Amino acid sequence: MLAAAARILRRAGVDEPRAEAECLWEGVSGTPRAQLRSGRAAATAAHARRFHARVRRRAAGEPLAYVEGEVEFYGLRLRVDRRVLIPRPDSETVVDAALPRLPPERATRVLDLGTGSGCLLLALLSQRPRARGLGVDRSAGALALAAENARRLGLGTRAGFVRGSWLDAVAPGCADLIVSNPPYVEPSEALGPGVAEHEPHLALFTPPGQPYRAYDAILHRARVVLRPGGALVLEAGAGRARALAERCAAAGLRVLEVRRDLGGIERAVAAVAP
């Protein structure tokens, strides 16, 4: 069964067909992949039906994370579906850059703008037990999923979620830290297989010729919303981090660092309010 599924995925152009077939089977059966490789995996008819349905979805180009219904981010298992952008390892760079701005001994307040699945906010709260946070998003569906993730991870009492556009409805002086992975992809840019077809365009794309539109909306009020000494950490698209740092400086913030992701791309810009 696994071999047949791997052949289907290979013909569909999946890069690692055997590994993905094993992941899909583990997801429906609960059988660890090591046990699968030993040949000791037991299959029920119900498991087989669910498995074949998932293989068909993956072969049709649906991202693996959506087919499985969850993804790992910063050590957390998060539910994901087509309401939210799939969290990627590159975005963990934002968490790494933000954590030093949250002293563990202090009760701090975090804002996550365009929260999506809640990945940035929940990763930060998982590392800072005294912190509390608010996720803001324009999508009601994304907010519902983020709240579900918070509850499943035991973070629901410290994480709230509200519908809104960036910082428009946020009170002045309420945040020690703002994080965001806003839309920064232009419609003409090339994306990986299945991304534009399946992931929410609201979370991906900027209007043509306006790659900094969301950043400018955030920076317009960031200094007002941050407490003195509070920090802003933004994810940047490839090749755009330096220009984003200049925008932060023009908005009255002091740029602390431009941090590279594991691929060596300048990915996160951290700045602080006076």
C-alpha atoms as a PDB file:
ATOM      1  CA  MET A   1       0.000   0.000   0.000  1.00  0.00           C
ATOM      2  CA  LEU A   2       2.785   2.454   0.885  1.00  0.00           C
ATOM      3  CA  ALA A   3       4.736   1.548  -2.242  1.00  0.00           C
ATOM      4  CA  ALA A   4       1.684   2.132  -4.426  1.00  0.00           C
ATOM      5  CA  ALA A   5       1.019   5.475  -2.738  1.00  0.00           C
ATOM      6  CA  ALA A   6       4.640   6.503  -3.230  1.00  0.00           C
ATOM      7  CA  ARG A   7       4.382   5.706  -6.936  1.00  0.00           C
ATOM      8  CA  ILE A   8       1.261   7.875  -7.227  1.00  0.00           C
ATOM      9  CA  LEU A   9       2.976  10.756  -5.456  1.00  0.00           C
ATOM     10  CA  ARG A  10       6.120  10.362  -7.563  1.00  0.00           C
ATOM     11  CA  ARG A  11       4.096  10.581 -10.764  1.00  0.00           C
ATOM     12  CA  ALA A  12       2.457  13.726  -9.363  1.00  0.00           C
ATOM     13  CA  GLY A  13       5.882  15.347  -8.966  1.00  0.00           C
ATOM     14  CA  VAL A  14       6.192  15.149  -5.167  1.00  0.00           C
ATOM     15  CA  ASP A  15       9.874  15.491  -4.224  1.00  0.00           C
ATOM     16  CA  GLU A  16       9.988  12.852  -1.465  1.00  0.00           C
ATOM     17  CA  PRO A  17       7.139  10.483  -2.303  1.00  0.00           C
ATOM     18  CA  ARG A  18       8.024   7.624   0.037  1.00  0.00           C
ATOM     19  CA  ALA A  19       8.589   9.912   3.023  1.00  0.00           C
ATOM     20  CA  GLU A  20       5.316  11.736   2.393  1.00  0.00           C
ATOM     21  CA  ALA A  21       3.427   8.462   1.994  1.00  0.00           C
ATOM     22  CA  GLU A  22       4.777   7.381   5.380  1.00  0.00           C
ATOM     23  CA  CYS A  23       3.766  10.715   6.933  1.00  0.00           C
ATOM     24  CA  LEU A  24       0.256  10.382   5.550  1.00  0.00           C
ATOM     25  CA  TRP A  25      -0.103   6.840   6.853  1.00  0.00           C
ATOM     26  CA  GLU A  26       1.231   7.810  10.273  1.00  0.00           C
ATOM     27  CA  GLY A  27      -1.328  10.616  10.372  1.00  0.00           C
ATOM     28  CA  VAL A  28      -4.317   8.355   9.742  1.00  0.00           C
ATOM     29  CA  SER A  29      -3.182   5.271  11.676  1.00  0.00           C
ATOM     30  CA  GLY A  30      -1.003   6.618  14.470  1.00  0.00           C
ATOM     31  CA  THR A  31       1.678   4.103  13.499  1.00  0.00           C
ATOM     32  CA  PRO A  32       5.174   5.606  13.966  1.00  0.00           C
ATOM     33  CA  ARG A  33       7.253   5.752  10.803  1.00  0.00           C
ATOM     34  CA  ALA A  34       9.960   3.564  12.356  1.00  0.00           C
ATOM     35  CA  GLN A  35       7.386   0.823  12.835  1.00  0.00           C
ATOM     36  CA  LEU A  36       6.215   1.234   9.254  1.00  0.00           C
ATOM     37  CA  ARG A  37       9.734   0.597   8.010  1.00  0.00           C
ATOM     38  CA  SER A  38       9.980  -2.557  10.087  1.00  0.00           C
ATOM     39  CA  GLY A  39       6.963  -3.987   8.285  1.00  0.00           C
ATOM     40  CA  ARG A  40       4.895  -4.274  11.473  1.00  0.00           C
ATOM     41  CA  ALA A  41       2.148  -1.810  10.545  1.00  0.00           C
ATOM     42  CA  ALA A  42      -1.420  -3.080  10.844  1.00  0.00           C
ATOM     43  CA  ALA A  43      -4.051  -1.580   8.536  1.00  0.00           C
ATOM     44  CA  THR A  44      -7.792  -1.403   9.038  1.00  0.00           C
ATOM     45  CA  ALA A  45     -10.229  -0.757   6.209  1.00  0.00           C
ATOM     46  CA  ALA A  46     -11.111   2.627   7.706  1.00  0.00           C
ATOM     47  CA  HIS A  47      -7.441   3.599   7.893  1.00  0.00           C
ATOM     48  CA  ALA A  48      -6.923   2.534   4.292  1.00  0.00           C
ATOM     49  CA  ARG A  49      -9.862   4.623   3.060  1.00  0.00           C
ATOM     50  CA  ARG A  50      -8.653   7.735   4.862  1.00  0.00           C
ATOM     51  CA  PHE A  51      -5.106   7.135   3.668  1.00  0.00           C
ATOM     52  CA  HIS A  52      -6.076   6.804   0.014  1.00  0.00           C
ATOM     53  CA  ALA A  53      -8.210   9.956   0.267  1.00  0.00           C
ATOM     54  CA  ARG A  54      -5.223  11.878   1.612  1.00  0.00           C
ATOM     55  CA  VAL A  55      -2.922  10.494  -1.072  1.00  0.00           C
ATOM     56  CA  ARG A  56      -5.351  11.703  -3.734  1.00  0.00           C
ATOM     57  CA  ARG A  57      -5.455  15.182  -2.204  1.00  0.00           C
ATOM     58  CA  ARG A  58      -1.667  15.374  -2.049  1.00  0.00           C
ATOM     59  CA  ALA A  59      -1.288  14.067  -5.605  1.00  0.00           C
ATOM     60  CA  ALA A  60      -3.676  16.802  -6.746  1.00  0.00           C
ATOM     61  CA  GLY A  61      -1.232  19.404  -5.425  1.00  0.00           C
ATOM     62  CA  GLU A  62      -2.713  20.262  -2.035  1.00  0.00           C
ATOM     63  CA  PRO A  63       0.091  21.127   0.423  1.00  0.00           C
ATOM     64  CA  LEU A  64       1.051  18.317   2.797  1.00  0.00           C
ATOM     65  CA  ALA A  65       0.318  20.432   5.884  1.00  0.00           C
ATOM     66  CA  TYR A  66      -3.289  20.965   4.785  1.00  0.00           C
ATOM     67  CA  VAL A  67      -3.735  17.294   3.943  1.00  0.00           C
ATOM     68  CA  GLU A  68      -2.428  16.277   7.375  1.00  0.00           C
ATOM     69  CA  GLY A  69      -4.236  19.133   9.099  1.00  0.00           C
ATOM     70  CA  GLU A  70      -1.308  20.180  11.244  1.00  0.00           C
ATOM     71  CA  VAL A  71       2.273  21.388  11.129  1.00  0.00           C
ATOM     72  CA  GLU A  72       5.137  21.783  13.597  1.00  0.00           C
ATOM     73  CA  PHE A  73       6.354  25.293  14.384  1.00  0.00           C
ATOM     74  CA  TYR A  74       8.914  26.128  17.070  1.00  0.00           C
ATOM     75  CA  GLY A  75       8.259  22.782  18.738  1.00  0.00           C
ATOM     76  CA  LEU A  76       4.464  23.256  18.760  1.00  0.00           C
ATOM     77  CA  ARG A  77       1.937  21.166  16.821  1.00  0.00           C
ATOM     78  CA  LEU A  78      -0.502  23.596  15.214  1.00  0.00           C
ATOM     79  CA  ARG A  79      -3.741  22.879  13.405  1.00  0.00           C
ATOM     80  CA  VAL A  80      -3.794  24.358   9.901  1.00  0.00           C
ATOM     81  CA  ASP A  81      -6.241  24.447   7.021  1.00  0.00           C
ATOM     82  CA  ARG A  82      -7.000  26.690   4.073  1.00  0.00           C
ATOM     83  CA  ARG A  83      -8.143  29.505   6.364  1.00  0.00           C
ATOM     84  CA  VAL A  84      -4.513  30.262   7.242  1.00  0.00           C
ATOM     85  CA  LEU A  85      -1.078  30.479   5.708  1.00  0.00           C
ATOM     86  CA  ILE A  86       1.053  27.423   6.477  1.00  0.00           C
ATOM     87  CA  PRO A  87       3.707  28.371   9.091  1.00  0.00           C
ATOM     88  CA  ARG A  88       7.198  27.900   7.675  1.00  0.00           C
ATOM     89  CA  PRO A  89      10.604  27.410   9.321  1.00  0.00           C
ATOM     90  CA  ASP A  90      11.729  30.805   7.967  1.00  0.00           C
ATOM     91  CA  SER A  91       9.230  32.488  10.296  1.00  0.00           C
ATOM     92  CA  GLU A  92      10.902  30.920  13.334  1.00  0.00           C
ATOM     93  CA  THR A  93      13.578  33.576  12.745  1.00  0.00           C
ATOM     94  CA  VAL A  94      11.027  36.172  13.877  1.00  0.00           C
ATOM     95  CA  VAL A  95      10.537  34.288  17.148  1.00  0.00           C
ATOM     96  CA  ASP A  96      14.303  34.011  17.657  1.00  0.00           C
ATOM     97  CA  ALA A  97      14.710  37.748  17.120  1.00  0.00           C
ATOM     98  CA  ALA A  98      11.755  38.611  19.367  1.00  0.00           C
ATOM     99  CA  LEU A  99      12.472  36.463  22.433  1.00  0.00           C
ATOM    100  CA  PRO A 100      15.399  38.595  23.690  1.00  0.00           C
ATOM    101  CA  ARG A 101      12.981  41.544  23.754  1.00  0.00           C
ATOM    102  CA  LEU A 102      10.770  39.734  26.312  1.00  0.00           C
ATOM    103  CA  PRO A 103      12.545  39.442  29.675  1.00  0.00           C
ATOM    104  CA  PRO A 104      11.409  36.131  31.246  1.00  0.00           C
ATOM    105  CA  GLU A 105      11.006  37.676  34.693  1.00  0.00           C
ATOM    106  CA  ARG A 106       8.582  40.400  33.542  1.00  0.00           C
ATOM    107  CA  ALA A 107       4.868  40.290  32.777  1.00  0.00           C
ATOM    108  CA  THR A 108       4.890  41.478  29.181  1.00  0.00           C
ATOM    109  CA  ARG A 109       2.296  42.143  26.488  1.00  0.00           C
ATOM    110  CA  VAL A 110       2.678  40.902  22.893  1.00  0.00           C
ATOM    111  CA  LEU A 111       0.739  41.888  19.764  1.00  0.00           C
ATOM    112  CA  ASP A 112       0.772  39.596  16.724  1.00  0.00           C
ATOM    113  CA  LEU A 113      -0.550  41.368  13.630  1.00  0.00           C
ATOM    114  CA  GLY A 114      -1.984  39.172  10.896  1.00  0.00           C
ATOM    115  CA  THR A 115      -1.846  36.283  13.344  1.00  0.00           C
ATOM    116  CA  GLY A 116      -3.175  33.576  10.993  1.00  0.00           C
ATOM    117  CA  SER A 117      -2.714  30.252  12.780  1.00  0.00           C
ATOM    118  CA  GLY A 118      -1.336  32.106  15.813  1.00  0.00           C
ATOM    119  CA  CYS A 119       2.088  30.570  15.259  1.00  0.00           C
ATOM    120  CA  LEU A 120       4.222  33.590  16.202  1.00  0.00           C
ATOM    121  CA  LEU A 121       2.179  34.580  19.246  1.00  0.00           C
ATOM    122  CA  LEU A 122       1.814  31.047  20.592  1.00  0.00           C
ATOM    123  CA  ALA A 123       5.493  30.248  20.094  1.00  0.00           C
ATOM    124  CA  LEU A 124       6.436  33.356  22.075  1.00  0.00           C
ATOM    125  CA  LEU A 125       3.961  32.652  24.883  1.00  0.00           C
ATOM    126  CA  SER A 126       5.185  29.058  25.112  1.00  0.00           C
ATOM    127  CA  GLN A 127       8.679  30.386  25.839  1.00  0.00           C
ATOM    128  CA  ARG A 128       7.631  33.210  28.183  1.00  0.00           C
ATOM    129  CA  PRO A 129       5.166  31.975  30.856  1.00  0.00           C
ATOM    130  CA  ARG A 130       4.589  35.481  32.252  1.00  0.00           C
ATOM    131  CA  ALA A 131       3.725  37.019  28.883  1.00  0.00           C
ATOM    132  CA  ARG A 132       0.219  37.578  27.563  1.00  0.00           C
ATOM    133  CA  GLY A 133      -0.746  38.412  24.016  1.00  0.00           C
ATOM    134  CA  LEU A 134      -3.315  39.463  21.461  1.00  0.00           C
ATOM    135  CA  GLY A 135      -3.542  38.219  17.884  1.00  0.00           C
ATOM    136  CA  VAL A 136      -5.135  40.528  15.305  1.00  0.00           C
ATOM    137  CA  ASP A 137      -6.412  39.394  11.911  1.00  0.00           C
ATOM    138  CA  ARG A 138      -8.935  40.481   9.285  1.00  0.00           C
ATOM    139  CA  SER A 139     -10.095  36.891   8.750  1.00  0.00           C
ATOM    140  CA  ALA A 140     -12.712  35.516  11.135  1.00  0.00           C
ATOM    141  CA  GLY A 141     -11.806  31.997  10.028  1.00  0.00           C
ATOM    142  CA  ALA A 142      -8.148  32.512  10.857  1.00  0.00           C
ATOM    143  CA  LEU A 143      -9.032  33.904  14.285  1.00  0.00           C
ATOM    144  CA  ALA A 144     -11.195  30.877  15.061  1.00  0.00           C
ATOM    145  CA  LEU A 145      -8.372  28.509  14.158  1.00  0.00           C
ATOM    146  CA  ALA A 146      -5.795  30.521  16.121  1.00  0.00           C
ATOM    147  CA  ALA A 147      -8.033  30.419  19.201  1.00  0.00           C
ATOM    148  CA  GLU A 148      -8.415  26.663  18.771  1.00  0.00           C
ATOM    149  CA  ASN A 149      -4.637  26.271  18.622  1.00  0.00           C
ATOM    150  CA  ALA A 150      -4.246  28.354  21.771  1.00  0.00           C
ATOM    151  CA  ARG A 151      -6.742  26.170  23.649  1.00  0.00           C
ATOM    152  CA  ARG A 152      -5.156  22.916  22.472  1.00  0.00           C
ATOM    153  CA  LEU A 153      -1.730  24.097  23.615  1.00  0.00           C
ATOM    154  CA  GLY A 154      -2.961  25.226  27.029  1.00  0.00           C
ATOM    155  CA  LEU A 155      -2.324  28.882  26.193  1.00  0.00           C
ATOM    156  CA  GLY A 156      -5.934  30.018  25.884  1.00  0.00           C
ATOM    157  CA  THR A 157      -5.931  31.963  29.148  1.00  0.00           C
ATOM    158  CA  ARG A 158      -2.971  34.083  28.022  1.00  0.00           C
ATOM    159  CA  ALA A 159      -3.820  34.560  24.344  1.00  0.00           C
ATOM    160  CA  GLY A 160      -6.722  36.593  22.996  1.00  0.00           C
ATOM    161  CA  PHE A 161      -7.761  37.177  19.405  1.00  0.00           C
ATOM    162  CA  VAL A 162      -9.596  40.075  17.796  1.00  0.00           C
ATOM    163  CA  ARG A 163     -10.719  40.970  14.302  1.00  0.00           C
ATOM    164  CA  GLY A 164      -9.111  44.098  12.936  1.00  0.00           C
ATOM    165  CA  SER A 165      -6.714  45.681  10.461  1.00  0.00           C
ATOM    166  CA  TRP A 166      -3.165  45.930  11.776  1.00  0.00           C
ATOM    167  CA  LEU A 167      -2.974  48.494  14.607  1.00  0.00           C
ATOM    168  CA  ASP A 168      -6.099  50.503  13.766  1.00  0.00           C
ATOM    169  CA  ALA A 169      -8.095  49.423  16.834  1.00  0.00           C
ATOM    170  CA  VAL A 170      -5.203  48.980  19.274  1.00  0.00           C
ATOM    171  CA  ALA A 171      -4.844  51.347  22.228  1.00  0.00           C
ATOM    172  CA  PRO A 172      -1.728  53.522  22.554  1.00  0.00           C
ATOM    173  CA  GLY A 173       1.085  52.366  24.811  1.00  0.00           C
ATOM    174  CA  CYS A 174      -0.228  48.845  25.321  1.00  0.00           C
ATOM    175  CA  ALA A 175       2.520  46.620  23.885  1.00  0.00           C
ATOM    176  CA  ASP A 176       6.012  45.594  24.899  1.00  0.00           C
ATOM    177  CA  LEU A 177       6.443  43.725  21.629  1.00  0.00           C
ATOM    178  CA  ILE A 178       4.790  43.720  18.209  1.00  0.00           C
ATOM    179  CA  VAL A 179       5.489  40.889  15.782  1.00  0.00           C
ATOM    180  CA  SER A 180       4.137  40.377  12.294  1.00  0.00           C
ATOM    181  CA  ASN A 181       4.552  38.337   9.144  1.00  0.00           C
ATOM    182  CA  PRO A 182       2.422  40.512   6.855  1.00  0.00           C
ATOM    183  CA  PRO A 183       1.715  39.940   3.164  1.00  0.00           C
ATOM    184  CA  TYR A 184       4.782  40.868   1.125  1.00  0.00           C
ATOM    185  CA  VAL A 185       4.572  38.747  -2.046  1.00  0.00           C
ATOM    186  CA  GLU A 186       3.711  40.562  -5.268  1.00  0.00           C
ATOM    187  CA  PRO A 187       1.267  38.739  -7.563  1.00  0.00           C
ATOM    188  CA  SER A 188       3.938  38.427 -10.268  1.00  0.00           C
ATOM    189  CA  GLU A 189       6.445  36.622  -8.025  1.00  0.00           C
ATOM    190  CA  ALA A 190       7.075  32.904  -8.467  1.00  0.00           C
ATOM    191  CA  LEU A 191       5.947  30.696  -5.579  1.00  0.00           C
ATOM    192  CA  GLY A 192       6.373  27.037  -4.693  1.00  0.00           C
ATOM    193  CA  PRO A 193       4.029  24.355  -6.038  1.00  0.00           C
ATOM    194  CA  GLY A 194       0.494  24.635  -4.707  1.00  0.00           C
ATOM    195  CA  VAL A 195       1.024  27.846  -2.739  1.00  0.00           C
ATOM    196  CA  ALA A 196      -0.977  30.294  -4.850  1.00  0.00           C
ATOM    197  CA  GLU A 197      -3.584  27.639  -5.635  1.00  0.00           C
ATOM    198  CA  HIS A 198      -4.318  26.662  -2.039  1.00  0.00           C
ATOM    199  CA  GLU A 199      -3.079  29.209   0.526  1.00  0.00           C
ATOM    200  CA  PRO A 200      -5.127  32.336   1.374  1.00  0.00           C
ATOM    201  CA  HIS A 201      -4.289  35.236  -0.915  1.00  0.00           C
ATOM    202  CA  LEU A 202      -5.191  37.723   1.819  1.00  0.00           C
ATOM    203  CA  ALA A 203      -2.200  36.462   3.827  1.00  0.00           C
ATOM    204  CA  LEU A 204       0.162  36.156   0.855  1.00  0.00           C
ATOM    205  CA  PHE A 205      -0.161  38.954  -1.636  1.00  0.00           C
ATOM    206  CA  THR A 206       0.278  42.711  -1.698  1.00  0.00           C
ATOM    207  CA  PRO A 207      -1.268  44.877  -4.411  1.00  0.00           C
ATOM    208  CA  PRO A 208       0.931  44.993  -7.540  1.00  0.00           C
ATOM    209  CA  GLY A 209       3.888  47.316  -7.089  1.00  0.00           C
ATOM    210  CA  GLN A 210       3.246  47.840  -3.356  1.00  0.00           C
ATOM    211  CA  PRO A 211       5.375  45.257  -1.488  1.00  0.00           C
ATOM    212  CA  TYR A 212       5.636  47.505   1.597  1.00  0.00           C
ATOM    213  CA  ARG A 213       1.980  48.472   1.898  1.00  0.00           C
ATOM    214  CA  ALA A 214       1.264  46.320   4.978  1.00  0.00           C
ATOM    215  CA  TYR A 215       4.545  47.322   6.623  1.00  0.00           C
ATOM    216  CA  ASP A 216       3.751  51.001   6.163  1.00  0.00           C
ATOM    217  CA  ALA A 217       0.327  50.489   7.743  1.00  0.00           C
ATOM    218  CA  ILE A 218       1.987  48.868  10.760  1.00  0.00           C
ATOM    219  CA  LEU A 219       4.749  51.454  11.039  1.00  0.00           C
ATOM    220  CA  HIS A 220       2.229  54.302  10.874  1.00  0.00           C
ATOM    221  CA  ARG A 221       1.150  53.555  14.472  1.00  0.00           C
ATOM    222  CA  ALA A 222       3.855  51.249  15.838  1.00  0.00           C
ATOM    223  CA  ARG A 223       5.640  53.931  17.825  1.00  0.00           C
ATOM    224  CA  VAL A 224       2.343  55.056  19.375  1.00  0.00           C
ATOM    225  CA  VAL A 225       1.267  51.554  20.379  1.00  0.00           C
ATOM    226  CA  LEU A 226       4.630  50.434  21.755  1.00  0.00           C
ATOM    227  CA  ARG A 227       5.588  51.281  25.306  1.00  0.00           C
ATOM    228  CA  PRO A 228       8.901  53.165  25.702  1.00  0.00           C
ATOM    229  CA  GLY A 229      11.646  50.687  24.871  1.00  0.00           C
ATOM    230  CA  GLY A 230       9.170  48.282  23.288  1.00  0.00           C
ATOM    231  CA  ALA A 231      10.224  46.328  20.214  1.00  0.00           C
ATOM    232  CA  LEU A 232       8.875  45.605  16.747  1.00  0.00           C
ATOM    233  CA  VAL A 233       9.983  42.473  14.863  1.00  0.00           C
ATOM    234  CA  LEU A 234       8.861  42.024  11.258  1.00  0.00           C
ATOM    235  CA  GLU A 235       9.378  39.214   8.781  1.00  0.00           C
ATOM    236  CA  ALA A 236      10.771  40.411   5.460  1.00  0.00           C
ATOM    237  CA  GLY A 237      10.704  38.930   1.987  1.00  0.00           C
ATOM    238  CA  ALA A 238      13.962  37.925   0.334  1.00  0.00           C
ATOM    239  CA  GLY A 239      15.945  41.003  -0.661  1.00  0.00           C
ATOM    240  CA  ARG A 240      13.681  43.441   1.171  1.00  0.00           C
ATOM    241  CA  ALA A 241      15.011  43.451   4.734  1.00  0.00           C
ATOM    242  CA  ARG A 242      17.384  46.392   4.325  1.00  0.00           C
ATOM    243  CA  ALA A 243      14.720  48.604   2.770  1.00  0.00           C
ATOM    244  CA  LEU A 244      12.347  47.569   5.553  1.00  0.00           C
ATOM    245  CA  ALA A 245      14.963  48.520   8.155  1.00  0.00           C
ATOM    246  CA  GLU A 246      15.193  51.964   6.539  1.00  0.00           C
ATOM    247  CA  ARG A 247      11.414  52.318   6.792  1.00  0.00           C
ATOM    248  CA  CYS A 248      11.568  51.414  10.482  1.00  0.00           C
ATOM    249  CA  ALA A 249      14.181  54.104  11.064  1.00  0.00           C
ATOM    250  CA  ALA A 250      12.112  56.652   9.138  1.00  0.00           C
ATOM    251  CA  ALA A 251       9.170  55.831  11.430  1.00  0.00           C
ATOM    252  CA  GLY A 252      11.221  56.873  14.466  1.00  0.00           C
ATOM    253  CA  LEU A 253      12.369  53.426  15.601  1.00  0.00           C
ATOM    254  CA  ARG A 254      15.955  52.382  16.296  1.00  0.00           C
ATOM    255  CA  VAL A 255      16.929  49.325  14.271  1.00  0.00           C
ATOM    256  CA  LEU A 256      18.553  46.659  16.444  1.00  0.00           C
ATOM    257  CA  GLU A 257      19.323  43.930  13.934  1.00  0.00           C
ATOM    258  CA  VAL A 258      18.558  42.305  10.621  1.00  0.00           C
ATOM    259  CA  ARG A 259      18.584  38.557  11.287  1.00  0.00           C
ATOM    260  CA  ARG A 260      19.176  35.824   8.717  1.00  0.00           C
ATOM    261  CA  ASP A 261      17.163  32.621   8.511  1.00  0.00           C
ATOM    262  CA  LEU A 262      18.704  29.140   8.283  1.00  0.00           C
ATOM    263  CA  GLY A 263      19.043  29.568   4.520  1.00  0.00           C
ATOM    264  CA  GLY A 264      21.154  32.699   4.975  1.00  0.00           C
ATOM    265  CA  ILE A 265      18.435  35.090   3.785  1.00  0.00           C
ATOM    266  CA  GLU A 266      17.890  38.313   5.724  1.00  0.00           C
ATOM    267  CA  ARG A 267      14.486  37.469   7.159  1.00  0.00           C
ATOM    268  CA  ALA A 268      13.660  39.433  10.321  1.00  0.00           C
ATOM    269  CA  VAL A 269      14.048  43.113  11.167  1.00  0.00           C
ATOM    270  CA  ALA A 270      14.033  44.076  14.847  1.00  0.00           C
ATOM    271  CA  ALA A 271      13.633  47.687  15.973  1.00  0.00           C
ATOM    272  CA  VAL A 272      12.899  49.437  19.257  1.00  0.00           C
ATOM    273  CA  ALA A 273      10.841  52.477  20.244  1.00  0.00           C
ATOM    274  CA  PRO A 274      12.573  55.365  22.052  1.00  0.00           C
END
